Amino acid sequence: MKTVRSLRPAELEMLDAARYYELQAPALGADFLNRIDSAVQDIATHPAGWPVVRHNIRRRLVHRFPYALLYRVDPDEIVVLATLHLRRHPDYWIDRV
């Protein structure tokens, strides 16, 4: 199983979303982070299990929330490029490739 590493912008997007959800309802931010962690574990276990959305970039949807993890599979690791809100500017992350 390859290790999964997130780019700093993807981490910041995840933390911003968790803070937002925590302000909406108690423990909702924690649930978001748990769903993200579950998605990361799925990616680590089955990196080719989700669709390619652009070149070699894949998208793993996050259950219950309108987010997806965009990632690429490198020879030695899996790199999460973005924690993408599905209803916002869909291509903002392209320069991270």
N, C-alpha and C. Protein backbone atom coordinates (compact mmCIF):
# COMPACT_ATOMS: atom_id res chain seq x y z
N MET A 1 0.85 -1.18 0.00
CA MET A 1 0.00 0.00 0.00
C MET A 1 0.89 1.24 0.00
N LYS A 2 0.62 2.17 -0.92
CA LYS A 2 1.39 3.40 -1.00
C LYS A 2 0.93 4.40 0.05
N THR A 3 1.85 5.27 0.45
CA THR A 3 1.48 6.33 1.37
C THR A 3 0.73 7.43 0.61
N VAL A 4 -0.11 8.13 1.33
CA VAL A 4 -0.88 9.23 0.76
C VAL A 4 -0.38 10.52 1.39
N ARG A 5 -0.01 11.47 0.54
CA ARG A 5 0.47 12.77 0.99
C ARG A 5 -0.42 13.84 0.37
N SER A 6 -0.81 14.82 1.18
CA SER A 6 -1.62 15.93 0.67
C SER A 6 -0.75 17.16 0.47
N LEU A 7 -0.98 17.84 -0.63
CA LEU A 7 -0.33 19.13 -0.82
C LEU A 7 -0.89 20.11 0.21
N ARG A 8 -0.08 21.07 0.59
CA ARG A 8 -0.50 22.04 1.61
C ARG A 8 -1.83 22.73 1.25
N PRO A 9 -2.03 23.18 0.01
CA PRO A 9 -3.33 23.79 -0.30
C PRO A 9 -4.51 22.84 -0.08
N ALA A 10 -4.34 21.57 -0.38
CA ALA A 10 -5.41 20.59 -0.16
C ALA A 10 -5.70 20.44 1.33
N GLU A 11 -4.65 20.44 2.14
CA GLU A 11 -4.84 20.37 3.60
C GLU A 11 -5.59 21.59 4.11
N LEU A 12 -5.21 22.77 3.63
CA LEU A 12 -5.88 24.00 4.07
C LEU A 12 -7.34 24.01 3.66
N GLU A 13 -7.64 23.53 2.45
CA GLU A 13 -9.04 23.45 2.01
C GLU A 13 -9.84 22.53 2.91
N MET A 14 -9.24 21.40 3.28
CA MET A 14 -9.90 20.44 4.16
C MET A 14 -10.18 21.07 5.53
N LEU A 15 -9.18 21.73 6.09
CA LEU A 15 -9.35 22.34 7.42
C LEU A 15 -10.34 23.49 7.39
N ASP A 16 -10.34 24.29 6.33
CA ASP A 16 -11.32 25.38 6.20
C ASP A 16 -12.74 24.82 6.15
N ALA A 17 -12.92 23.77 5.38
CA ALA A 17 -14.25 23.15 5.28
C ALA A 17 -14.68 22.58 6.63
N ALA A 18 -13.76 21.94 7.34
CA ALA A 18 -14.10 21.37 8.65
C ALA A 18 -14.50 22.47 9.63
N ARG A 19 -13.78 23.59 9.60
CA ARG A 19 -14.14 24.72 10.48
C ARG A 19 -15.53 25.25 10.13
N TYR A 20 -15.80 25.38 8.84
CA TYR A 20 -17.11 25.85 8.41
C TYR A 20 -18.21 24.92 8.92
N TYR A 21 -18.04 23.61 8.73
CA TYR A 21 -19.07 22.66 9.15
C TYR A 21 -19.22 22.64 10.66
N GLU A 22 -18.15 22.82 11.38
CA GLU A 22 -18.24 22.83 12.84
C GLU A 22 -19.05 24.02 13.33
N LEU A 23 -18.96 25.14 12.62
CA LEU A 23 -19.77 26.31 12.97
C LEU A 23 -21.24 26.10 12.65
N GLN A 24 -21.54 25.21 11.70
CA GLN A 24 -22.93 24.95 11.32
C GLN A 24 -23.65 24.08 12.32
N ALA A 25 -22.94 23.10 12.88
CA ALA A 25 -23.56 22.17 13.85
C ALA A 25 -22.44 21.48 14.64
N PRO A 26 -22.68 21.26 15.93
CA PRO A 26 -21.67 20.58 16.74
C PRO A 26 -21.34 19.19 16.16
N ALA A 27 -20.07 18.89 16.08
CA ALA A 27 -19.53 17.60 15.62
C ALA A 27 -19.62 17.39 14.12
N LEU A 28 -20.20 18.34 13.37
CA LEU A 28 -20.29 18.17 11.92
C LEU A 28 -18.90 18.30 11.28
N GLY A 29 -18.07 19.17 11.81
CA GLY A 29 -16.70 19.30 11.32
C GLY A 29 -15.91 18.02 11.55
N ALA A 30 -16.09 17.42 12.71
CA ALA A 30 -15.41 16.16 13.01
C ALA A 30 -15.91 15.05 12.08
N ASP A 31 -17.20 15.05 11.79
CA ASP A 31 -17.74 14.05 10.86
C ASP A 31 -17.13 14.24 9.47
N PHE A 32 -17.00 15.49 9.04
CA PHE A 32 -16.36 15.78 7.75
C PHE A 32 -14.95 15.22 7.73
N LEU A 33 -14.17 15.47 8.76
CA LEU A 33 -12.79 14.97 8.81
C LEU A 33 -12.75 13.45 8.83
N ASN A 34 -13.70 12.83 9.51
CA ASN A 34 -13.77 11.36 9.50
C ASN A 34 -14.06 10.83 8.10
N ARG A 35 -14.95 11.51 7.37
CA ARG A 35 -15.27 11.09 6.00
C ARG A 35 -14.06 11.29 5.08
N ILE A 36 -13.32 12.36 5.30
CA ILE A 36 -12.09 12.60 4.53
C ILE A 36 -11.09 11.48 4.81
N ASP A 37 -10.91 11.16 6.08
CA ASP A 37 -9.98 10.09 6.46
C ASP A 37 -10.38 8.76 5.82
N SER A 38 -11.66 8.47 5.82
CA SER A 38 -12.15 7.24 5.19
C SER A 38 -11.84 7.24 3.69
N ALA A 39 -12.04 8.39 3.05
CA ALA A 39 -11.75 8.49 1.61
C ALA A 39 -10.26 8.30 1.35
N VAL A 40 -9.41 8.86 2.20
CA VAL A 40 -7.96 8.69 2.05
C VAL A 40 -7.58 7.23 2.20
N GLN A 41 -8.17 6.55 3.17
CA GLN A 41 -7.89 5.12 3.36
C GLN A 41 -8.32 4.31 2.14
N ASP A 42 -9.47 4.65 1.58
CA ASP A 42 -9.93 3.98 0.36
C ASP A 42 -8.96 4.20 -0.79
N ILE A 43 -8.48 5.43 -0.93
CA ILE A 43 -7.53 5.75 -1.99
C ILE A 43 -6.24 4.97 -1.80
N ALA A 44 -5.76 4.89 -0.57
CA ALA A 44 -4.52 4.16 -0.29
C ALA A 44 -4.67 2.68 -0.61
N THR A 45 -5.83 2.13 -0.33
CA THR A 45 -6.08 0.71 -0.54
C THR A 45 -6.33 0.37 -2.01
N HIS A 46 -7.07 1.24 -2.69
CA HIS A 46 -7.45 0.99 -4.09
C HIS A 46 -7.22 2.26 -4.92
N PRO A 47 -5.98 2.63 -5.19
CA PRO A 47 -5.72 3.91 -5.87
C PRO A 47 -6.33 4.03 -7.26
N ALA A 48 -6.52 2.94 -7.95
CA ALA A 48 -7.11 3.00 -9.29
C ALA A 48 -8.62 2.81 -9.28
N GLY A 49 -9.21 2.83 -8.12
CA GLY A 49 -10.64 2.53 -7.98
C GLY A 49 -11.59 3.65 -8.30
N TRP A 50 -11.09 4.85 -8.60
CA TRP A 50 -11.97 5.98 -8.88
C TRP A 50 -11.66 6.56 -10.24
N PRO A 51 -12.61 7.25 -10.82
CA PRO A 51 -12.47 7.68 -12.21
C PRO A 51 -11.40 8.75 -12.42
N VAL A 52 -10.81 8.70 -13.60
CA VAL A 52 -9.88 9.73 -14.03
C VAL A 52 -10.71 10.91 -14.52
N VAL A 53 -10.38 12.11 -14.03
CA VAL A 53 -11.13 13.30 -14.44
C VAL A 53 -10.33 14.18 -15.40
N ARG A 54 -9.03 14.03 -15.39
CA ARG A 54 -8.17 14.82 -16.28
C ARG A 54 -6.79 14.18 -16.29
N HIS A 55 -6.33 13.80 -17.44
CA HIS A 55 -5.02 13.16 -17.60
C HIS A 55 -4.86 12.02 -16.59
N ASN A 56 -3.98 12.17 -15.62
CA ASN A 56 -3.76 11.10 -14.62
C ASN A 56 -4.34 11.47 -13.26
N ILE A 57 -5.27 12.42 -13.21
CA ILE A 57 -5.87 12.87 -11.95
C ILE A 57 -7.19 12.14 -11.74
N ARG A 58 -7.34 11.57 -10.56
CA ARG A 58 -8.55 10.83 -10.21
C ARG A 58 -9.36 11.59 -9.16
N ARG A 59 -10.65 11.24 -9.06
CA ARG A 59 -11.54 11.91 -8.12
C ARG A 59 -12.25 10.89 -7.24
N ARG A 60 -12.09 11.06 -5.95
CA ARG A 60 -12.80 10.22 -4.96
C ARG A 60 -13.80 11.12 -4.25
N LEU A 61 -15.10 10.87 -4.43
CA LEU A 61 -16.13 11.64 -3.76
C LEU A 61 -16.09 11.37 -2.26
N VAL A 62 -16.48 12.38 -1.48
CA VAL A 62 -16.55 12.26 -0.03
C VAL A 62 -18.03 12.07 0.33
N HIS A 63 -18.34 10.96 0.96
CA HIS A 63 -19.73 10.65 1.32
C HIS A 63 -20.31 11.73 2.23
N ARG A 64 -21.57 12.06 2.00
CA ARG A 64 -22.39 12.97 2.78
C ARG A 64 -22.10 14.44 2.54
N PHE A 65 -20.95 14.77 2.02
CA PHE A 65 -20.56 16.16 1.82
C PHE A 65 -20.30 16.44 0.35
N PRO A 66 -20.51 17.69 -0.10
CA PRO A 66 -20.30 18.01 -1.51
C PRO A 66 -18.82 18.28 -1.83
N TYR A 67 -17.98 17.31 -1.49
CA TYR A 67 -16.54 17.44 -1.69
C TYR A 67 -15.99 16.19 -2.36
N ALA A 68 -14.83 16.38 -2.97
CA ALA A 68 -14.09 15.26 -3.56
C ALA A 68 -12.61 15.49 -3.31
N LEU A 69 -11.87 14.40 -3.24
CA LEU A 69 -10.42 14.48 -3.19
C LEU A 69 -9.90 14.22 -4.60
N LEU A 70 -9.11 15.13 -5.10
CA LEU A 70 -8.46 14.96 -6.40
C LEU A 70 -7.04 14.52 -6.13
N TYR A 71 -6.63 13.43 -6.78
CA TYR A 71 -5.31 12.87 -6.48
C TYR A 71 -4.68 12.27 -7.72
N ARG A 72 -3.36 12.10 -7.62
CA ARG A 72 -2.63 11.40 -8.68
C ARG A 72 -1.81 10.30 -8.01
N VAL A 73 -1.58 9.26 -8.76
CA VAL A 73 -0.79 8.13 -8.28
C VAL A 73 0.59 8.25 -8.90
N ASP A 74 1.58 8.52 -8.06
CA ASP A 74 2.98 8.59 -8.48
C ASP A 74 3.63 7.23 -8.22
N PRO A 75 4.82 7.00 -8.73
CA PRO A 75 5.46 5.70 -8.52
C PRO A 75 5.65 5.32 -7.04
N ASP A 76 5.95 6.30 -6.20
CA ASP A 76 6.24 6.00 -4.80
C ASP A 76 5.17 6.41 -3.80
N GLU A 77 4.21 7.21 -4.25
CA GLU A 77 3.19 7.72 -3.33
C GLU A 77 1.96 8.17 -4.09
N ILE A 78 0.93 8.48 -3.33
CA ILE A 78 -0.30 9.05 -3.86
C ILE A 78 -0.36 10.48 -3.35
N VAL A 79 -0.61 11.43 -4.24
CA VAL A 79 -0.60 12.84 -3.86
C VAL A 79 -2.00 13.42 -4.02
N VAL A 80 -2.56 13.92 -2.91
CA VAL A 80 -3.85 14.61 -2.95
C VAL A 80 -3.58 16.05 -3.33
N LEU A 81 -4.16 16.47 -4.45
CA LEU A 81 -3.93 17.80 -4.99
C LEU A 81 -4.92 18.83 -4.47
N ALA A 82 -6.16 18.38 -4.22
CA ALA A 82 -7.20 19.32 -3.80
C ALA A 82 -8.29 18.63 -3.02
N THR A 83 -8.85 19.37 -2.09
CA THR A 83 -10.09 18.99 -1.41
C THR A 83 -11.13 19.89 -2.05
N LEU A 84 -11.76 19.38 -3.07
CA LEU A 84 -12.57 20.17 -3.99
C LEU A 84 -14.04 20.22 -3.57
N HIS A 85 -14.56 21.46 -3.41
CA HIS A 85 -16.00 21.63 -3.22
C HIS A 85 -16.63 21.46 -4.60
N LEU A 86 -17.60 20.58 -4.71
CA LEU A 86 -18.16 20.20 -6.00
C LEU A 86 -19.03 21.27 -6.65
N ARG A 87 -19.42 22.28 -5.90
CA ARG A 87 -20.30 23.32 -6.46
C ARG A 87 -19.58 24.65 -6.64
N ARG A 88 -18.26 24.62 -6.60
CA ARG A 88 -17.47 25.83 -6.80
C ARG A 88 -16.56 25.66 -8.00
N HIS A 89 -15.80 26.65 -8.32
CA HIS A 89 -14.91 26.68 -9.48
C HIS A 89 -14.18 25.35 -9.65
N PRO A 90 -14.58 24.54 -10.62
CA PRO A 90 -14.06 23.18 -10.73
C PRO A 90 -12.60 23.06 -11.19
N ASP A 91 -12.04 24.09 -11.82
CA ASP A 91 -10.70 23.94 -12.39
C ASP A 91 -9.63 24.75 -11.67
N TYR A 92 -9.92 25.31 -10.51
CA TYR A 92 -8.95 26.16 -9.81
C TYR A 92 -7.66 25.41 -9.45
N TRP A 93 -7.70 24.14 -9.31
CA TRP A 93 -6.59 23.32 -8.81
C TRP A 93 -5.61 22.90 -9.90
N ILE A 94 -5.92 23.16 -11.15
CA ILE A 94 -5.14 22.60 -12.27
C ILE A 94 -3.65 22.97 -12.20
N ASP A 95 -3.31 24.15 -11.72
CA ASP A 95 -1.90 24.53 -11.65
C ASP A 95 -1.11 23.75 -10.59
N ARG A 96 -1.78 22.93 -9.80
CA ARG A 96 -1.10 22.11 -8.79
C ARG A 96 -0.55 20.82 -9.36
N VAL A 97 -0.95 20.46 -10.57
CA VAL A 97 -0.53 19.21 -11.18
C VAL A 97 0.95 19.29 -11.40
